[in-house]
Amino acid sequence: MTTSVGVVLFPGSNCEHDVVEAVKGLGEDAQLIWHGDQTLPPVDAVVLPGGFAHGDYLRPGAIARFSPIMESVARFASDGGPVVGICNGFQVLTEAHLLPGALQKNRGLTFLCMPVDLEVASTRSVLTSGVHVGDRLRIPINHFEGNYTCDHETLAELKGEDRIVLRYVDNPNGSVDDIAGICNPTGNVVGLMPHPERACDALLGSEDGKSLWRSLFTWALDRAAAR
C-alpha cells in the first residue's frame, strides 16, 4: 500500500517540490495542495514545507496560519492525522497553535545554510518512531528565524512528556535546550527546522533524512489500516 502525502503550497513556499521529490523517490505518492483550498483531499499525511509563506510579512507563519486550508489541517491533526512542518512549516504550526513556543531570529542575527548534526531525543513521534534515541543524523538547515523559544513551563512540559524529538549536537542558532524539533502530546504533529527532504540522496551529502520519512510513512499506513 502506498502512502499519500499532501504538501501544502503557500504563496512564497520554495521547498514543496523538494518534499514531493523525496517522497516519490522513496516509492510513495505526493501531491501539492493549494493553501486557498477549503478542504484536504484524501491523504494519509500532510507536510507544510519550507520557504517564506506570504513573504514572511508581519512574522514567519503569522499570515499563513489564516490560510483557508489550515482549518482542515487542524481538523486532520485533531483526528490523529500525521502533520509535519519543516522550517517555515514549523513556524506556521506554532502560529496556528498546533505546537507550542515560537521561532525567533537566530543568535547573532545570521542566516544559516549548512549541514548540521542532530541527535534523536524521542521516538514517540510520527517522524522518529522508526529510529532510535541517540541516533545521529546529518541534515541541512536553511533559516534566519530558527531559534526555538518557549517559557520555562512549556519547556518543562516538553521535557516531561518526551516531546523534544530532535536536538542539535552543536547548537547553531541559539534554540533553547538545543531543540531542533518537537511534537504535540500525541506525537502526530511534528515541527522541525532542519530539512530531511534535502538529505535523501548521497549526491546531496546525506541520506539520513530517509529514516525520518520512512517513519512518517509507516505511522500513516498503520493509522490507515486501523481506521
C-alpha atoms as a PDB file:
ATOM      1  CA  MET A   1       0.000   0.000   0.000  1.00  0.00           C
ATOM      2  CA  THR A   2       1.319   3.427  -0.975  1.00  0.00           C
ATOM      3  CA  THR A   3       1.308   6.406   1.377  1.00  0.00           C
ATOM      4  CA  SER A   4      -0.343   9.549   0.001  1.00  0.00           C
ATOM      5  CA  VAL A   5       1.302  12.744   1.258  1.00  0.00           C
ATOM      6  CA  GLY A   6      -0.276  16.155   0.761  1.00  0.00           C
ATOM      7  CA  VAL A   7       2.169  19.068   0.565  1.00  0.00           C
ATOM      8  CA  VAL A   8       0.579  22.447   1.253  1.00  0.00           C
ATOM      9  CA  LEU A   9       1.688  25.212  -1.114  1.00  0.00           C
ATOM     10  CA  PHE A  10       1.563  28.748   0.283  1.00  0.00           C
ATOM     11  CA  PRO A  11       2.492  31.857  -1.720  1.00  0.00           C
ATOM     12  CA  GLY A  12       6.229  32.023  -1.082  1.00  0.00           C
ATOM     13  CA  SER A  13       6.829  28.328  -0.345  1.00  0.00           C
ATOM     14  CA  ASN A  14      10.028  27.171  -2.037  1.00  0.00           C
ATOM     15  CA  CYS A  15      10.660  23.649  -0.759  1.00  0.00           C
ATOM     16  CA  GLU A  16       7.415  21.983  -1.826  1.00  0.00           C
ATOM     17  CA  HIS A  17       8.965  20.257  -4.846  1.00  0.00           C
ATOM     18  CA  ASP A  18      11.900  19.086  -2.717  1.00  0.00           C
ATOM     19  CA  VAL A  19       9.397  17.295  -0.462  1.00  0.00           C
ATOM     20  CA  VAL A  20       7.490  15.831  -3.407  1.00  0.00           C
ATOM     21  CA  GLU A  21      10.741  14.574  -4.948  1.00  0.00           C
ATOM     22  CA  ALA A  22      11.881  12.994  -1.663  1.00  0.00           C
ATOM     23  CA  VAL A  23       8.547  11.280  -1.061  1.00  0.00           C
ATOM     24  CA  LYS A  24       8.280   9.939  -4.606  1.00  0.00           C
ATOM     25  CA  GLY A  25      11.937   8.903  -4.560  1.00  0.00           C
ATOM     26  CA  LEU A  26      11.098   6.618  -1.650  1.00  0.00           C
ATOM     27  CA  GLY A  27       8.289   4.986  -3.612  1.00  0.00           C
ATOM     28  CA  GLU A  28       5.345   6.861  -2.108  1.00  0.00           C
ATOM     29  CA  ASP A  29       2.877   9.335  -3.588  1.00  0.00           C
ATOM     30  CA  ALA A  30       2.802  13.109  -3.094  1.00  0.00           C
ATOM     31  CA  GLN A  31       0.544  15.888  -4.306  1.00  0.00           C
ATOM     32  CA  LEU A  32       0.526  19.657  -3.914  1.00  0.00           C
ATOM     33  CA  ILE A  33      -2.402  21.278  -2.087  1.00  0.00           C
ATOM     34  CA  TRP A  34      -3.146  24.965  -2.601  1.00  0.00           C
ATOM     35  CA  HIS A  35      -3.350  26.983   0.606  1.00  0.00           C
ATOM     36  CA  GLY A  36      -6.619  28.577  -0.551  1.00  0.00           C
ATOM     37  CA  ASP A  37      -8.457  25.255  -0.718  1.00  0.00           C
ATOM     38  CA  GLN A  38     -11.098  24.733   1.943  1.00  0.00           C
ATOM     39  CA  THR A  39     -10.585  21.001   2.430  1.00  0.00           C
ATOM     40  CA  LEU A  40      -7.835  18.435   2.208  1.00  0.00           C
ATOM     41  CA  PRO A  41      -8.055  15.729  -0.455  1.00  0.00           C
ATOM     42  CA  PRO A  42      -7.863  12.098   0.728  1.00  0.00           C
ATOM     43  CA  VAL A  43      -4.272  11.927   2.029  1.00  0.00           C
ATOM     44  CA  ASP A  44      -2.517   9.882   4.701  1.00  0.00           C
ATOM     45  CA  ALA A  45      -0.188  12.662   5.866  1.00  0.00           C
ATOM     46  CA  VAL A  46       0.267  16.410   5.461  1.00  0.00           C
ATOM     47  CA  VAL A  47       3.520  18.349   5.141  1.00  0.00           C
ATOM     48  CA  LEU A  48       3.897  22.117   5.498  1.00  0.00           C
ATOM     49  CA  PRO A  49       7.136  22.816   3.599  1.00  0.00           C
ATOM     50  CA  GLY A  50       9.853  25.391   3.980  1.00  0.00           C
ATOM     51  CA  GLY A  51      10.041  28.766   2.299  1.00  0.00           C
ATOM     52  CA  PHE A  52       8.629  32.195   3.029  1.00  0.00           C
ATOM     53  CA  ALA A  53       4.852  31.801   3.253  1.00  0.00           C
ATOM     54  CA  HIS A  54       3.196  35.088   2.312  1.00  0.00           C
ATOM     55  CA  GLY A  55       6.659  36.641   2.174  1.00  0.00           C
ATOM     56  CA  ASP A  56       7.072  36.224   5.947  1.00  0.00           C
ATOM     57  CA  TYR A  57       5.365  39.610   6.276  1.00  0.00           C
ATOM     58  CA  LEU A  58       4.479  40.509   9.855  1.00  0.00           C
ATOM     59  CA  ARG A  59       6.455  37.478  11.080  1.00  0.00           C
ATOM     60  CA  PRO A  60       7.093  33.976   9.651  1.00  0.00           C
ATOM     61  CA  GLY A  61       3.923  31.890   9.521  1.00  0.00           C
ATOM     62  CA  ALA A  62       1.699  34.574  11.061  1.00  0.00           C
ATOM     63  CA  ILE A  63      -0.341  35.144   7.901  1.00  0.00           C
ATOM     64  CA  ALA A  64      -0.167  31.560   6.622  1.00  0.00           C
ATOM     65  CA  ARG A  65      -1.909  30.299   9.747  1.00  0.00           C
ATOM     66  CA  PHE A  66      -5.060  32.083   8.455  1.00  0.00           C
ATOM     67  CA  SER A  67      -4.983  30.369   5.045  1.00  0.00           C
ATOM     68  CA  PRO A  68      -8.275  28.506   4.424  1.00  0.00           C
ATOM     69  CA  ILE A  69      -6.582  25.098   4.271  1.00  0.00           C
ATOM     70  CA  MET A  70      -5.282  25.433   7.834  1.00  0.00           C
ATOM     71  CA  GLU A  71      -8.698  24.760   9.365  1.00  0.00           C
ATOM     72  CA  SER A  72      -8.764  21.452   7.524  1.00  0.00           C
ATOM     73  CA  VAL A  73      -5.163  20.726   8.561  1.00  0.00           C
ATOM     74  CA  ALA A  74      -6.091  21.394  12.192  1.00  0.00           C
ATOM     75  CA  ARG A  75      -9.065  19.011  11.966  1.00  0.00           C
ATOM     76  CA  PHE A  76      -6.863  16.381  10.321  1.00  0.00           C
ATOM     77  CA  ALA A  77      -4.336  16.726  13.153  1.00  0.00           C
ATOM     78  CA  SER A  78      -7.052  16.622  15.819  1.00  0.00           C
ATOM     79  CA  ASP A  79      -8.262  13.352  14.304  1.00  0.00           C
ATOM     80  CA  GLY A  80      -4.763  11.884  14.692  1.00  0.00           C
ATOM     81  CA  GLY A  81      -3.551  12.527  11.160  1.00  0.00           C
ATOM     82  CA  PRO A  82       0.223  12.917  10.741  1.00  0.00           C
ATOM     83  CA  VAL A  83       1.253  16.535  10.138  1.00  0.00           C
ATOM     84  CA  VAL A  84       4.873  17.627   9.680  1.00  0.00           C
ATOM     85  CA  GLY A  85       6.038  21.240   9.442  1.00  0.00           C
ATOM     86  CA  ILE A  86       9.546  21.800   8.093  1.00  0.00           C
ATOM     87  CA  CYS A  87      11.351  25.116   8.677  1.00  0.00           C
ATOM     88  CA  ASN A  88       8.738  27.723   7.635  1.00  0.00           C
ATOM     89  CA  GLY A  89       6.172  24.951   8.139  1.00  0.00           C
ATOM     90  CA  PHE A  90       7.315  24.648  11.779  1.00  0.00           C
ATOM     91  CA  GLN A  91       6.793  28.383  12.164  1.00  0.00           C
ATOM     92  CA  VAL A  92       3.273  28.043  10.725  1.00  0.00           C
ATOM     93  CA  LEU A  93       2.442  25.247  13.187  1.00  0.00           C
ATOM     94  CA  THR A  94       3.466  27.386  16.163  1.00  0.00           C
ATOM     95  CA  GLU A  95       1.487  30.374  14.861  1.00  0.00           C
ATOM     96  CA  ALA A  96      -1.543  28.085  14.379  1.00  0.00           C
ATOM     97  CA  HIS A  97      -1.101  26.829  17.966  1.00  0.00           C
ATOM     98  CA  LEU A  98      -0.751  23.244  16.793  1.00  0.00           C
ATOM     99  CA  LEU A  99       2.639  23.305  18.539  1.00  0.00           C
ATOM    100  CA  PRO A 100       3.797  25.467  21.485  1.00  0.00           C
ATOM    101  CA  GLY A 101       6.526  28.068  21.544  1.00  0.00           C
ATOM    102  CA  ALA A 102       7.829  30.313  18.781  1.00  0.00           C
ATOM    103  CA  LEU A 103      10.724  30.696  16.357  1.00  0.00           C
ATOM    104  CA  GLN A 104      12.780  33.879  16.623  1.00  0.00           C
ATOM    105  CA  LYS A 105      15.826  35.249  14.814  1.00  0.00           C
ATOM    106  CA  ASN A 106      18.995  33.206  15.019  1.00  0.00           C
ATOM    107  CA  ARG A 107      21.584  34.008  17.636  1.00  0.00           C
ATOM    108  CA  GLY A 108      23.934  36.549  16.091  1.00  0.00           C
ATOM    109  CA  LEU A 109      21.268  37.613  13.564  1.00  0.00           C
ATOM    110  CA  THR A 110      22.882  35.424  10.919  1.00  0.00           C
ATOM    111  CA  PHE A 111      21.209  33.447   8.138  1.00  0.00           C
ATOM    112  CA  LEU A 112      22.338  29.823   8.354  1.00  0.00           C
ATOM    113  CA  CYS A 113      22.583  27.415   5.427  1.00  0.00           C
ATOM    114  CA  MET A 114      24.678  24.347   6.181  1.00  0.00           C
ATOM    115  CA  PRO A 115      24.546  20.702   7.210  1.00  0.00           C
ATOM    116  CA  VAL A 116      24.218  20.065  10.943  1.00  0.00           C
ATOM    117  CA  ASP A 117      24.358  17.023  13.178  1.00  0.00           C
ATOM    118  CA  LEU A 118      21.172  16.097  15.038  1.00  0.00           C
ATOM    119  CA  GLU A 119      20.550  13.630  17.831  1.00  0.00           C
ATOM    120  CA  VAL A 120      17.268  11.755  18.129  1.00  0.00           C
ATOM    121  CA  ALA A 121      15.817  12.595  21.554  1.00  0.00           C
ATOM    122  CA  SER A 122      12.484  10.778  21.347  1.00  0.00           C
ATOM    123  CA  THR A 123      10.894   8.066  19.236  1.00  0.00           C
ATOM    124  CA  ARG A 124       7.282   8.817  20.150  1.00  0.00           C
ATOM    125  CA  SER A 125       6.553  10.994  17.111  1.00  0.00           C
ATOM    126  CA  VAL A 126       5.459  10.320  13.544  1.00  0.00           C
ATOM    127  CA  LEU A 127       8.876  11.387  12.315  1.00  0.00           C
ATOM    128  CA  THR A 128      11.098   9.445  14.720  1.00  0.00           C
ATOM    129  CA  SER A 129       9.169   6.265  15.526  1.00  0.00           C
ATOM    130  CA  GLY A 130      11.408   4.239  13.221  1.00  0.00           C
ATOM    131  CA  VAL A 131      14.773   5.399  14.576  1.00  0.00           C
ATOM    132  CA  HIS A 132      16.459   5.103  17.969  1.00  0.00           C
ATOM    133  CA  VAL A 133      17.143   7.538  20.786  1.00  0.00           C
ATOM    134  CA  GLY A 134      20.733   8.667  20.470  1.00  0.00           C
ATOM    135  CA  ASP A 135      20.954   8.141  16.711  1.00  0.00           C
ATOM    136  CA  ARG A 136      22.950  10.846  14.928  1.00  0.00           C
ATOM    137  CA  LEU A 137      21.602  12.337  11.691  1.00  0.00           C
ATOM    138  CA  ARG A 138      23.310  14.698   9.261  1.00  0.00           C
ATOM    139  CA  ILE A 139      20.645  17.037   7.862  1.00  0.00           C
ATOM    140  CA  PRO A 140      20.910  20.585   6.457  1.00  0.00           C
ATOM    141  CA  ILE A 141      19.358  23.751   7.844  1.00  0.00           C
ATOM    142  CA  ASN A 142      18.406  26.870   5.882  1.00  0.00           C
ATOM    143  CA  HIS A 143      16.903  29.604   8.047  1.00  0.00           C
ATOM    144  CA  PHE A 144      17.178  33.033   9.635  1.00  0.00           C
ATOM    145  CA  GLU A 145      14.414  32.607  12.217  1.00  0.00           C
ATOM    146  CA  GLY A 146      15.037  29.113  13.532  1.00  0.00           C
ATOM    147  CA  ASN A 147      15.861  29.915  17.145  1.00  0.00           C
ATOM    148  CA  TYR A 148      13.200  27.985  19.077  1.00  0.00           C
ATOM    149  CA  THR A 149      11.978  29.633  22.256  1.00  0.00           C
ATOM    150  CA  CYS A 150       9.325  28.968  24.888  1.00  0.00           C
ATOM    151  CA  ASP A 151       8.656  29.794  28.531  1.00  0.00           C
ATOM    152  CA  HIS A 152      10.005  27.698  31.403  1.00  0.00           C
ATOM    153  CA  GLU A 153       6.672  25.958  31.981  1.00  0.00           C
ATOM    154  CA  THR A 154       6.391  24.896  28.336  1.00  0.00           C
ATOM    155  CA  LEU A 155       9.974  23.633  28.273  1.00  0.00           C
ATOM    156  CA  ALA A 156       9.344  21.587  31.417  1.00  0.00           C
ATOM    157  CA  GLU A 157       6.214  20.177  29.791  1.00  0.00           C
ATOM    158  CA  LEU A 158       8.056  19.269  26.588  1.00  0.00           C
ATOM    159  CA  LYS A 159      10.764  17.501  28.578  1.00  0.00           C
ATOM    160  CA  GLY A 160       8.369  15.782  30.973  1.00  0.00           C
ATOM    161  CA  GLU A 161       6.165  14.475  28.164  1.00  0.00           C
ATOM    162  CA  ASP A 162       9.098  13.356  25.977  1.00  0.00           C
ATOM    163  CA  ARG A 163       8.095  15.754  23.216  1.00  0.00           C
ATOM    164  CA  ILE A 164      11.523  17.033  22.185  1.00  0.00           C
ATOM    165  CA  VAL A 165      12.171  14.776  19.211  1.00  0.00           C
ATOM    166  CA  LEU A 166      15.433  16.188  17.798  1.00  0.00           C
ATOM    167  CA  ARG A 167      18.276  18.208  19.303  1.00  0.00           C
ATOM    168  CA  TYR A 168      21.272  19.914  17.701  1.00  0.00           C
ATOM    169  CA  VAL A 169      24.584  18.316  18.618  1.00  0.00           C
ATOM    170  CA  ASP A 170      26.274  21.705  18.193  1.00  0.00           C
ATOM    171  CA  ASN A 171      23.543  24.338  18.537  1.00  0.00           C
ATOM    172  CA  PRO A 172      23.847  26.682  15.508  1.00  0.00           C
ATOM    173  CA  ASN A 173      21.059  29.170  16.213  1.00  0.00           C
ATOM    174  CA  GLY A 174      20.588  29.550  19.974  1.00  0.00           C
ATOM    175  CA  SER A 175      17.467  27.396  20.325  1.00  0.00           C
ATOM    176  CA  VAL A 176      16.545  26.719  23.937  1.00  0.00           C
ATOM    177  CA  ASP A 177      17.753  23.312  25.160  1.00  0.00           C
ATOM    178  CA  ASP A 178      19.325  22.720  21.706  1.00  0.00           C
ATOM    179  CA  ILE A 179      15.847  21.967  20.317  1.00  0.00           C
ATOM    180  CA  ALA A 180      15.674  21.203  16.597  1.00  0.00           C
ATOM    181  CA  GLY A 181      12.215  19.612  16.581  1.00  0.00           C
ATOM    182  CA  ILE A 182       9.221  18.990  18.843  1.00  0.00           C
ATOM    183  CA  CYS A 183       5.877  17.189  18.707  1.00  0.00           C
ATOM    184  CA  ASN A 184       2.398  17.596  20.165  1.00  0.00           C
ATOM    185  CA  PRO A 185       1.195  15.457  23.127  1.00  0.00           C
ATOM    186  CA  THR A 186       0.015  12.609  20.869  1.00  0.00           C
ATOM    187  CA  GLY A 187       3.103  12.657  18.650  1.00  0.00           C
ATOM    188  CA  ASN A 188       1.229  13.041  15.355  1.00  0.00           C
ATOM    189  CA  VAL A 189       2.180  16.697  14.788  1.00  0.00           C
ATOM    190  CA  VAL A 190       5.895  17.455  14.422  1.00  0.00           C
ATOM    191  CA  GLY A 191       7.756  20.654  13.670  1.00  0.00           C
ATOM    192  CA  LEU A 192      11.463  20.806  12.885  1.00  0.00           C
ATOM    193  CA  MET A 193      13.821  23.380  11.425  1.00  0.00           C
ATOM    194  CA  PRO A 194      16.217  21.015   9.566  1.00  0.00           C
ATOM    195  CA  HIS A 195      15.228  19.813   6.084  1.00  0.00           C
ATOM    196  CA  PRO A 196      15.020  15.985   5.878  1.00  0.00           C
ATOM    197  CA  GLU A 197      13.841  16.249   2.253  1.00  0.00           C
ATOM    198  CA  ARG A 198      17.285  17.584   1.395  1.00  0.00           C
ATOM    199  CA  ALA A 199      19.039  14.589   2.917  1.00  0.00           C
ATOM    200  CA  CYS A 200      17.642  11.777   0.788  1.00  0.00           C
ATOM    201  CA  ASP A 201      20.372  11.359  -1.809  1.00  0.00           C
ATOM    202  CA  ALA A 202      24.106  10.725  -1.490  1.00  0.00           C
ATOM    203  CA  LEU A 203      24.658  13.434  -4.116  1.00  0.00           C
ATOM    204  CA  LEU A 204      23.330  15.936  -1.584  1.00  0.00           C
ATOM    205  CA  GLY A 205      25.799  14.788   1.058  1.00  0.00           C
ATOM    206  CA  SER A 206      23.492  12.697   3.247  1.00  0.00           C
ATOM    207  CA  GLU A 207      20.726  10.127   3.079  1.00  0.00           C
ATOM    208  CA  ASP A 208      19.878  10.394   6.775  1.00  0.00           C
ATOM    209  CA  GLY A 209      16.548  12.044   6.043  1.00  0.00           C
ATOM    210  CA  LYS A 210      15.210   8.804   4.594  1.00  0.00           C
ATOM    211  CA  SER A 211      14.775   7.224   8.012  1.00  0.00           C
ATOM    212  CA  LEU A 212      12.568  10.107   9.140  1.00  0.00           C
ATOM    213  CA  TRP A 213      10.374   9.926   6.047  1.00  0.00           C
ATOM    214  CA  ARG A 214      10.024   6.164   6.387  1.00  0.00           C
ATOM    215  CA  SER A 215       8.894   6.652   9.984  1.00  0.00           C
ATOM    216  CA  LEU A 216       6.192   9.001   8.723  1.00  0.00           C
ATOM    217  CA  PHE A 217       5.060   6.561   6.030  1.00  0.00           C
ATOM    218  CA  THR A 218       4.852   3.653   8.458  1.00  0.00           C
ATOM    219  CA  TRP A 219       2.886   5.679  11.008  1.00  0.00           C
ATOM    220  CA  ALA A 220       0.482   6.909   8.326  1.00  0.00           C
ATOM    221  CA  LEU A 221      -0.117   3.429   6.914  1.00  0.00           C
ATOM    222  CA  ASP A 222      -0.640   1.936  10.370  1.00  0.00           C
ATOM    223  CA  ARG A 223      -3.210   4.645  11.079  1.00  0.00           C
ATOM    224  CA  ALA A 224      -4.960   3.993   7.767  1.00  0.00           C
ATOM    225  CA  ALA A 225      -5.066   0.245   8.426  1.00  0.00           C
ATOM    226  CA  ALA A 226      -6.577   0.803  11.859  1.00  0.00           C
ATOM    227  CA  ARG A 227      -9.386   3.013  10.584  1.00  0.00           C
END
